[in-house]
Amino acid sequence: MSYYEYKQEGVNELRGFMERHGLTGELVAAELAWHYPTHLARECGGQRFVWYAAEDPHMVRLQTFLGGCYEASYGSQQLFGTLWFTDGRWATRGEYDGSEWWQLHSLPPLPSKEE
């Protein structure tokens, strides 16, 4: 299977992640980078991308970036980055043993002084 068959994987995965967590339309900014294994690097190259919703409200540039050369579940992590949401939560890209995912984070509540 060639990496061209995975071109929409990054876009579809981000959409699915946001829908599962009720974050549709809530993305404020993203900082992403592709890092490819040797066999893809020659054709795809490395890229860093910073995106702000105010500059691209329909996510066209973000979807174009995520539609790049992506080979899911093969080898090392390829997509790195952080996403910021309007409610103060953020997501980071995780990887283990060839699988990649978005991990949602929230600030913990402040501790109470009362016992």
C-alpha atoms as a PDB file:
ATOM      1  CA  MET A   1       0.000   0.000   0.000  1.00  0.00           C
ATOM      2  CA  SER A   2       1.515   3.356  -0.969  1.00  0.00           C
ATOM      3  CA  TYR A   3       1.439   6.494   1.158  1.00  0.00           C
ATOM      4  CA  TYR A   4      -0.890   8.080  -1.400  1.00  0.00           C
ATOM      5  CA  GLU A   5      -3.630   5.799  -0.094  1.00  0.00           C
ATOM      6  CA  TYR A   6      -3.226   7.456   3.305  1.00  0.00           C
ATOM      7  CA  LYS A   7      -3.407  11.088   2.129  1.00  0.00           C
ATOM      8  CA  GLN A   8      -6.705  11.805   3.913  1.00  0.00           C
ATOM      9  CA  GLU A   9      -5.842   9.872   7.074  1.00  0.00           C
ATOM     10  CA  GLY A  10      -4.529  12.936   8.962  1.00  0.00           C
ATOM     11  CA  VAL A  11      -7.588  15.040   8.051  1.00  0.00           C
ATOM     12  CA  ASN A  12     -10.083  12.294   8.868  1.00  0.00           C
ATOM     13  CA  GLU A  13      -8.389  11.444  12.150  1.00  0.00           C
ATOM     14  CA  LEU A  14      -8.415  15.068  13.323  1.00  0.00           C
ATOM     15  CA  ARG A  15     -12.090  15.449  12.383  1.00  0.00           C
ATOM     16  CA  GLY A  16     -12.988  12.229  14.208  1.00  0.00           C
ATOM     17  CA  PHE A  17     -11.036  13.254  17.315  1.00  0.00           C
ATOM     18  CA  MET A  18     -12.763  16.657  17.436  1.00  0.00           C
ATOM     19  CA  GLU A  19     -16.228  15.137  16.903  1.00  0.00           C
ATOM     20  CA  ARG A  20     -15.707  12.491  19.624  1.00  0.00           C
ATOM     21  CA  HIS A  21     -14.818  15.229  22.124  1.00  0.00           C
ATOM     22  CA  GLY A  22     -17.455  17.736  20.998  1.00  0.00           C
ATOM     23  CA  LEU A  23     -14.803  20.164  19.718  1.00  0.00           C
ATOM     24  CA  THR A  24     -16.249  20.888  16.269  1.00  0.00           C
ATOM     25  CA  GLY A  25     -15.584  24.539  15.431  1.00  0.00           C
ATOM     26  CA  GLU A  26     -13.594  25.014  18.638  1.00  0.00           C
ATOM     27  CA  LEU A  27     -10.043  24.894  17.272  1.00  0.00           C
ATOM     28  CA  VAL A  28      -8.115  28.146  17.842  1.00  0.00           C
ATOM     29  CA  ALA A  29      -4.596  27.304  16.710  1.00  0.00           C
ATOM     30  CA  ALA A  30      -2.306  24.472  15.715  1.00  0.00           C
ATOM     31  CA  GLU A  31       1.423  23.938  15.485  1.00  0.00           C
ATOM     32  CA  LEU A  32       2.231  20.806  13.526  1.00  0.00           C
ATOM     33  CA  ALA A  33       5.226  19.184  11.898  1.00  0.00           C
ATOM     34  CA  TRP A  34       5.709  16.196   9.638  1.00  0.00           C
ATOM     35  CA  HIS A  35       8.695  13.943  10.165  1.00  0.00           C
ATOM     36  CA  TYR A  36       8.946  11.188   7.609  1.00  0.00           C
ATOM     37  CA  PRO A  37      10.763   7.878   7.510  1.00  0.00           C
ATOM     38  CA  THR A  38      13.549   7.801   4.945  1.00  0.00           C
ATOM     39  CA  HIS A  39      11.458   6.247   2.178  1.00  0.00           C
ATOM     40  CA  LEU A  40       8.917   9.116   2.350  1.00  0.00           C
ATOM     41  CA  ALA A  41      11.279  12.002   3.148  1.00  0.00           C
ATOM     42  CA  ARG A  42      12.694  12.098  -0.377  1.00  0.00           C
ATOM     43  CA  GLU A  43       9.246  12.761  -1.862  1.00  0.00           C
ATOM     44  CA  CYS A  44       7.462  14.606   0.951  1.00  0.00           C
ATOM     45  CA  GLY A  45      10.181  16.528   2.791  1.00  0.00           C
ATOM     46  CA  GLY A  46       9.868  17.806   6.345  1.00  0.00           C
ATOM     47  CA  GLN A  47       7.400  20.554   7.110  1.00  0.00           C
ATOM     48  CA  ARG A  48       6.478  22.775  10.069  1.00  0.00           C
ATOM     49  CA  PHE A  49       3.119  24.507  10.023  1.00  0.00           C
ATOM     50  CA  VAL A  50       1.480  27.092  12.305  1.00  0.00           C
ATOM     51  CA  TRP A  51      -2.246  27.714  11.862  1.00  0.00           C
ATOM     52  CA  TYR A  52      -4.683  30.228  13.427  1.00  0.00           C
ATOM     53  CA  ALA A  53      -8.460  29.972  13.054  1.00  0.00           C
ATOM     54  CA  ALA A  54      -8.792  33.753  12.652  1.00  0.00           C
ATOM     55  CA  GLU A  55      -6.689  33.596   9.466  1.00  0.00           C
ATOM     56  CA  ASP A  56      -8.350  30.473   7.993  1.00  0.00           C
ATOM     57  CA  PRO A  57     -11.853  30.031   9.513  1.00  0.00           C
ATOM     58  CA  HIS A  58     -12.849  27.201   7.159  1.00  0.00           C
ATOM     59  CA  MET A  59      -9.674  25.217   7.950  1.00  0.00           C
ATOM     60  CA  VAL A  60      -8.682  25.017   4.261  1.00  0.00           C
ATOM     61  CA  ARG A  61      -4.949  25.483   4.891  1.00  0.00           C
ATOM     62  CA  LEU A  62      -5.026  23.114   7.867  1.00  0.00           C
ATOM     63  CA  GLN A  63      -6.792  20.385   5.897  1.00  0.00           C
ATOM     64  CA  THR A  64      -4.351  20.824   3.011  1.00  0.00           C
ATOM     65  CA  PHE A  65      -1.407  20.438   5.397  1.00  0.00           C
ATOM     66  CA  LEU A  66      -2.914  17.360   7.057  1.00  0.00           C
ATOM     67  CA  GLY A  67      -3.674  15.831   3.660  1.00  0.00           C
ATOM     68  CA  GLY A  68       0.047  15.442   3.039  1.00  0.00           C
ATOM     69  CA  CYS A  69       2.025  12.225   2.808  1.00  0.00           C
ATOM     70  CA  TYR A  70       0.811  10.196   5.764  1.00  0.00           C
ATOM     71  CA  GLU A  71       1.377   6.513   6.337  1.00  0.00           C
ATOM     72  CA  ALA A  72      -0.683   5.452   9.343  1.00  0.00           C
ATOM     73  CA  SER A  73       0.373   2.643  11.655  1.00  0.00           C
ATOM     74  CA  TYR A  74       3.763   2.125  10.070  1.00  0.00           C
ATOM     75  CA  GLY A  75       7.118   2.708  11.725  1.00  0.00           C
ATOM     76  CA  SER A  76       7.844   5.770  13.832  1.00  0.00           C
ATOM     77  CA  GLN A  77       5.704   8.817  14.530  1.00  0.00           C
ATOM     78  CA  GLN A  78       5.181  11.048  11.486  1.00  0.00           C
ATOM     79  CA  LEU A  79       2.904  13.831  12.692  1.00  0.00           C
ATOM     80  CA  PHE A  80       3.912  15.907  15.719  1.00  0.00           C
ATOM     81  CA  GLY A  81       2.115  18.872  17.191  1.00  0.00           C
ATOM     82  CA  THR A  82      -0.205  20.694  19.532  1.00  0.00           C
ATOM     83  CA  LEU A  83      -3.797  21.886  19.033  1.00  0.00           C
ATOM     84  CA  TRP A  84      -5.375  24.653  21.125  1.00  0.00           C
ATOM     85  CA  PHE A  85      -9.157  24.908  21.715  1.00  0.00           C
ATOM     86  CA  THR A  86     -11.446  27.789  22.724  1.00  0.00           C
ATOM     87  CA  ASP A  87     -12.302  26.259  26.112  1.00  0.00           C
ATOM     88  CA  GLY A  88      -8.668  26.238  27.289  1.00  0.00           C
ATOM     89  CA  ARG A  89      -8.048  22.566  26.567  1.00  0.00           C
ATOM     90  CA  TRP A  90      -5.279  21.432  24.246  1.00  0.00           C
ATOM     91  CA  ALA A  91      -4.260  18.235  22.501  1.00  0.00           C
ATOM     92  CA  THR A  92      -0.847  16.797  21.801  1.00  0.00           C
ATOM     93  CA  ARG A  93       0.159  14.097  19.383  1.00  0.00           C
ATOM     94  CA  GLY A  94       1.130  10.775  20.936  1.00  0.00           C
ATOM     95  CA  GLU A  95       2.745   7.647  19.555  1.00  0.00           C
ATOM     96  CA  TYR A  96       3.481   4.154  20.746  1.00  0.00           C
ATOM     97  CA  ASP A  97       4.757   1.226  18.701  1.00  0.00           C
ATOM     98  CA  GLY A  98       3.697   2.671  15.343  1.00  0.00           C
ATOM     99  CA  SER A  99       0.252   3.895  16.440  1.00  0.00           C
ATOM    100  CA  GLU A 100      -0.456   7.642  16.604  1.00  0.00           C
ATOM    101  CA  TRP A 101      -3.284   9.549  18.275  1.00  0.00           C
ATOM    102  CA  TRP A 102      -4.379  12.923  19.649  1.00  0.00           C
ATOM    103  CA  GLN A 103      -4.413  13.176  23.468  1.00  0.00           C
ATOM    104  CA  LEU A 104      -6.759  15.799  24.967  1.00  0.00           C
ATOM    105  CA  HIS A 105      -5.506  17.707  28.036  1.00  0.00           C
ATOM    106  CA  SER A 106      -7.270  19.968  30.551  1.00  0.00           C
ATOM    107  CA  LEU A 107      -5.871  22.079  33.343  1.00  0.00           C
ATOM    108  CA  PRO A 108      -6.531  20.392  36.666  1.00  0.00           C
ATOM    109  CA  PRO A 109      -8.766  22.295  39.089  1.00  0.00           C
ATOM    110  CA  LEU A 110      -7.035  24.472  41.642  1.00  0.00           C
ATOM    111  CA  PRO A 111      -6.684  22.829  45.063  1.00  0.00           C
ATOM    112  CA  SER A 112      -9.054  23.900  47.809  1.00  0.00           C
ATOM    113  CA  LYS A 113      -7.644  25.446  50.998  1.00  0.00           C
ATOM    114  CA  GLU A 114     -10.431  23.770  52.948  1.00  0.00           C
ATOM    115  CA  GLU A 115      -9.868  20.291  54.283  1.00  0.00           C
END
